Protein backbone atom coordinates (compact mmCIF):
# COMPACT_ATOMS: atom_id res chain seq x y z
CA MET A 1 111.02 93.78 148.87
CA ARG A 2 110.43 97.41 148.11
CA SER A 3 108.89 98.71 144.91
CA PRO A 4 111.41 100.94 143.12
CA ALA A 5 110.31 104.38 142.04
CA MET A 6 110.88 104.83 138.34
CA SER A 7 113.48 107.37 137.27
CA HIS A 8 115.47 107.76 134.08
CA THR A 9 118.83 107.89 135.78
CA VAL A 10 120.91 107.18 132.65
CA LYS A 11 121.04 109.94 130.03
CA PRO A 12 121.24 109.14 126.29
CA ALA A 13 124.89 110.13 125.85
CA GLU A 14 125.94 108.18 128.93
CA ALA A 15 123.94 105.13 127.82
CA SER A 16 125.63 105.11 124.41
CA ARG A 17 129.03 105.53 126.03
CA LEU A 18 128.44 102.61 128.40
CA VAL A 19 127.41 100.29 125.57
CA ALA A 20 130.35 101.37 123.38
CA GLY A 21 132.69 100.66 126.30
CA LEU A 22 131.81 96.97 126.47
CA PRO A 23 134.66 94.66 125.41
CA LYS A 24 134.41 93.25 121.91
CA GLU A 25 133.28 89.82 123.06
CA LEU A 26 130.36 91.38 124.96
CA GLN A 27 129.21 93.87 122.34
CA PRO A 28 125.45 93.52 121.82
CA GLN A 29 124.09 91.16 119.20
CA SER A 30 120.89 93.21 119.23
CA ALA A 31 120.14 95.98 116.75
CA PRO A 32 122.20 99.16 117.16
CA GLY A 33 120.89 101.49 119.84
CA VAL A 34 118.64 99.01 121.62
CA LEU A 35 120.71 98.54 124.77
CA ALA A 36 121.23 102.29 125.11
CA THR A 37 117.47 102.78 124.94
CA VAL A 38 116.88 100.11 127.59
CA LEU A 39 119.43 101.66 129.95
CA GLN A 40 117.43 104.91 129.89
CA MET A 41 114.27 103.06 131.02
CA LEU A 42 115.73 101.33 134.07
CA PRO A 43 114.64 102.02 137.65
CA PRO A 44 117.18 103.08 140.27
CA PRO A 45 119.38 100.20 141.48
CA CYS A 46 117.24 97.23 142.51
CA LYS A 47 116.99 93.47 141.97
CA VAL A 48 116.92 92.79 138.22
CA LEU A 49 116.61 89.66 136.07
CA ASP A 50 118.24 89.81 132.63
CA ILE A 51 116.47 87.05 130.71
CA GLY A 52 117.79 86.04 127.32
CA ALA A 53 121.14 87.24 128.65
CA GLY A 54 123.26 85.65 125.92
CA ARG A 55 126.93 86.33 126.49
CA GLY A 56 126.20 88.83 129.24
CA GLY A 57 126.80 92.31 127.84
CA LEU A 58 123.63 93.81 129.30
CA THR A 59 124.14 91.88 132.54
CA THR A 60 127.53 93.56 132.89
CA LEU A 61 126.04 97.01 132.35
CA LEU A 62 123.29 96.35 134.89
CA ARG A 63 125.85 95.26 137.47
CA ASP A 64 128.05 98.27 136.77
CA LEU A 65 125.05 100.57 137.28
CA GLY A 66 124.58 99.16 140.77
CA HIS A 67 121.77 96.69 140.23
CA GLN A 68 121.63 93.35 142.02
CA VAL A 69 121.41 91.31 138.86
CA GLU A 70 120.76 87.69 137.97
CA ALA A 71 120.83 86.27 134.46
CA ALA A 72 118.86 83.58 132.66
CA ASP A 73 119.13 82.05 129.22
CA LEU A 74 118.05 79.00 127.24
CA HIS A 75 121.76 78.29 126.70
CA PRO A 76 123.49 79.34 129.93
CA ASN A 77 126.79 77.88 128.70
CA HIS A 78 127.09 80.90 126.36
CA PHE A 79 127.21 83.27 129.34
CA GLN A 80 130.69 84.73 129.91
CA ILE A 81 130.46 86.86 133.05
CA GLY A 82 132.20 85.57 136.15
CA GLY A 83 130.64 86.06 139.56
CA ILE A 84 127.04 86.09 138.27
CA ARG A 85 125.00 82.94 137.94
CA CYS A 86 123.17 82.38 134.68
CA HIS A 87 120.10 80.22 135.29
CA ALA A 88 118.87 77.79 132.66
CA ALA A 89 115.42 79.05 131.68
CA ASN A 90 113.01 78.61 128.79
CA ALA A 91 111.00 81.81 128.39
CA GLN A 92 108.11 79.79 126.90
CA GLU A 93 107.68 77.80 130.09
CA GLU A 94 107.38 78.42 133.83
CA LEU A 95 110.40 80.42 134.92
CA PRO A 96 112.58 78.90 137.68
CA PHE A 97 112.04 81.76 140.14
CA ALA A 98 109.79 82.35 143.11
CA ASP A 99 106.83 84.71 143.09
CA ARG A 100 107.81 88.36 143.60
CA ALA A 101 111.51 87.58 143.28
CA PHE A 102 112.51 90.70 141.30
CA ASP A 103 111.86 94.42 141.04
CA CYS A 104 112.60 94.52 137.31
CA VAL A 105 112.80 91.99 134.46
CA VAL A 106 114.62 92.95 131.27
CA ALA A 107 114.12 90.98 128.03
CA VAL A 108 115.99 92.42 125.04
CA GLU A 109 114.96 91.10 121.62
CA LEU A 110 113.54 87.95 123.13
CA ILE A 111 109.78 88.10 122.86
CA GLU A 112 109.60 87.90 119.05
CA HIS A 113 111.34 84.51 119.25
CA LEU A 114 108.55 83.05 121.41
CA GLU A 115 105.63 81.04 120.09
CA ASN A 116 103.39 82.38 122.83
CA PRO A 117 104.59 85.72 124.20
CA TRP A 118 101.51 85.99 126.43
CA VAL A 119 102.80 83.11 128.57
CA PHE A 120 106.09 84.92 129.06
CA ILE A 121 104.41 88.16 130.10
CA ARG A 122 102.27 86.29 132.64
CA GLU A 123 105.36 84.60 134.05
CA ALA A 124 107.23 87.90 134.20
CA MET A 125 104.39 89.42 136.21
CA ARG A 126 104.39 86.43 138.56
CA ILE A 127 108.05 86.87 139.46
CA LEU A 128 107.82 90.67 139.70
CA ASN A 129 107.21 92.55 142.90
CA ASP A 130 104.03 94.64 143.05
CA ASN A 131 104.59 97.72 140.86
CA GLY A 132 107.75 96.13 139.44
CA SER A 133 108.51 96.56 135.75
CA LEU A 134 109.13 94.39 132.72
CA ILE A 135 111.22 96.10 130.03
CA VAL A 136 110.86 94.27 126.73
CA THR A 137 112.04 95.15 123.23
CA SER A 138 111.05 93.91 119.79
CA PRO A 139 111.16 95.03 116.14
CA ASN A 140 108.54 97.72 115.59
CA VAL A 141 106.13 96.31 113.02
CA VAL A 142 103.87 99.36 112.72
CA THR A 143 106.30 101.81 111.13
CA LEU A 144 105.37 103.51 107.87
CA MET A 145 107.95 101.41 106.04
CA SER A 146 106.64 98.21 107.67
CA ARG A 147 103.13 99.02 106.50
CA LEU A 148 104.31 99.78 102.99
CA THR A 149 106.40 96.62 102.85
CA PHE A 150 103.45 94.53 103.94
CA VAL A 151 101.16 96.08 101.32
CA VAL A 152 103.70 95.41 98.55
CA THR A 153 105.09 92.00 99.62
CA GLY A 154 102.67 90.55 102.16
CA CYS A 155 105.60 90.21 104.59
CA LEU A 156 106.72 92.25 107.58
CA PRO A 157 110.37 93.31 107.88
CA TYR A 158 112.24 91.22 110.47
CA PHE A 159 109.71 88.42 109.92
CA ARG A 160 110.62 87.30 106.42
CA ASP A 161 111.64 83.70 105.77
CA SER A 162 115.29 84.65 106.27
CA SER A 163 114.57 85.79 109.83
CA PHE A 164 112.40 82.79 110.61
CA ASN A 165 114.93 80.29 109.29
CA GLY A 166 117.99 82.16 110.53
CA CYS A 167 117.07 83.20 114.08
CA TYR A 168 113.46 82.04 114.58
CA HIS A 169 111.64 85.33 114.55
CA ALA A 170 108.35 83.57 115.14
CA THR A 171 105.84 86.16 116.35
CA PRO A 172 105.43 89.78 115.21
CA ILE A 173 104.81 91.94 118.27
CA PHE A 174 102.30 94.73 117.75
CA PRO A 175 101.78 97.44 120.39
CA TRP A 176 98.34 96.03 121.12
CA THR A 177 99.90 92.60 121.67
CA ILE A 178 101.88 94.00 124.58
CA GLU A 179 98.95 96.05 125.86
CA ARG A 180 96.44 93.18 125.85
CA ALA A 181 98.85 90.57 127.19
CA ALA A 182 99.80 92.97 129.96
CA LEU A 183 96.17 93.68 130.82
CA VAL A 184 95.23 90.03 131.32
CA ALA A 185 98.42 89.51 133.35
CA GLY A 186 97.59 92.30 135.78
CA ALA A 187 99.81 94.99 134.29
CA ARG A 188 99.81 98.02 132.04
CA VAL A 189 102.16 99.63 129.54
CA VAL A 190 103.44 102.84 131.13
CA GLU A 191 106.19 103.85 128.70
CA THR A 192 107.23 103.15 125.11
CA ARG A 193 110.48 104.27 123.54
CA TYR A 194 112.06 103.69 120.15
CA SER A 195 115.58 103.32 118.81
CA ARG A 196 116.56 104.30 115.30
CA VAL A 197 118.58 102.24 112.87
CA ASP A 198 118.71 102.21 109.11
CA TRP A 199 116.08 100.24 107.20
CA PRO A 200 117.09 96.54 107.26
CA ARG A 201 118.50 94.70 104.29
CA ALA A 202 116.38 92.12 102.47
CA THR A 203 117.93 89.59 104.85
CA ASP A 204 116.41 91.52 107.78
CA ILE A 205 119.79 92.49 109.23
CA PRO A 206 119.57 96.09 110.47
CA ARG A 207 122.21 98.48 109.19
CA ARG A 208 124.08 101.19 111.03
CA MET A 209 123.34 104.52 109.43
CA SER A 210 125.93 106.61 107.70
CA ARG A 211 126.68 109.90 109.43
CA TYR A 212 124.85 111.79 106.68
CA ARG A 213 121.67 109.70 106.95
CA SER A 214 121.83 109.83 110.73
CA ARG A 215 121.90 113.63 110.69
CA LEU A 216 119.10 113.71 108.12
CA LEU A 217 116.86 111.38 110.10
CA ASN A 218 117.40 113.42 113.26
CA TYR A 219 114.94 115.86 111.73
CA VAL A 220 112.28 113.13 111.65
CA PRO A 221 110.38 112.70 114.94
CA LEU A 222 111.16 109.38 116.65
CA CYS A 223 107.80 107.72 117.22
CA SER A 224 105.81 104.56 116.49
CA LEU A 225 105.78 105.35 112.75
CA THR A 226 109.55 105.90 112.49
CA GLY A 227 111.24 103.95 115.31
CA GLU A 228 112.83 100.73 114.14
CA ILE A 229 112.90 98.90 117.49
CA ALA A 230 110.26 99.40 120.19
CA ALA A 231 110.99 99.18 123.92
CA TYR A 232 108.04 98.84 126.29
CA ARG A 233 107.97 99.27 130.07
CA VAL A 234 105.16 97.19 131.53
CA GLN A 235 104.30 97.83 135.16
CA HIS A 236 102.84 95.12 137.35
CA ASP A 237 99.53 96.25 138.87
CA PRO A 238 97.66 93.37 140.57
CA SER A 239 94.55 95.53 140.98
CA LEU A 240 93.97 95.20 137.23
CA VAL A 241 93.43 91.41 137.31
CA ALA A 242 89.77 91.65 138.26
CA ARG A 243 88.96 94.11 135.49
CA ILE A 244 88.93 91.64 132.62
CA SER A 245 87.82 88.03 132.21
CA THR A 246 89.70 85.69 129.92
CA GLY A 247 88.69 82.63 127.93
CA TYR A 248 85.63 81.68 125.92
CA HIS A 249 82.15 81.49 127.38
CA THR A 250 78.65 80.74 126.17
CA GLU A 251 75.34 82.33 127.05
């Protein structure tokens, strides 16, 4: 299996158009703008696993862009796309795929639901081809507003009780979480992008911005301090495995 060269083949306007063109029943349940951001981070057409596929909106887009795509979900009966198999898979356990089975793994708004995201990243690296990529998204918990909210309330947005009880947002994902988990799994973060949505309600449901606020915020640089959802591209690099030891030890 070849290692795909990375190239941003989908431009922002095209990515937004593709997502908006999904039928109503396949419109994303993720925060606004997330799928469009992910589409811009994809490699050229290759073998891709969409894990946490849900109803199959992203799977459809991947197929339409020419990827050889397979899907996986904890509840494969929710999957609605004909002609593509949706494997039953628990992202907190060993994934039902062979070593080096894919060139790219995409996990949209999945990792924050996991009790141990490090296990998932290790498994993703196992099933990735050398130099293959994991694209993973999660609420950005290091924004200026997140920091302020934590100072005032002791809680992080998207990880309040309402999110935990409603959709099991179990684990806040910090940038260093991804970086360290990648390092011990033989990988490295090679790209981070952000999508912008309005500040979430007290119930942690993100809001689409009004046109006025959208235009106003376009003057604010989109970065780790302002981006609402973070998308990381983690590249498998087996040569990194020997550079760090894991576990406890005594003198």
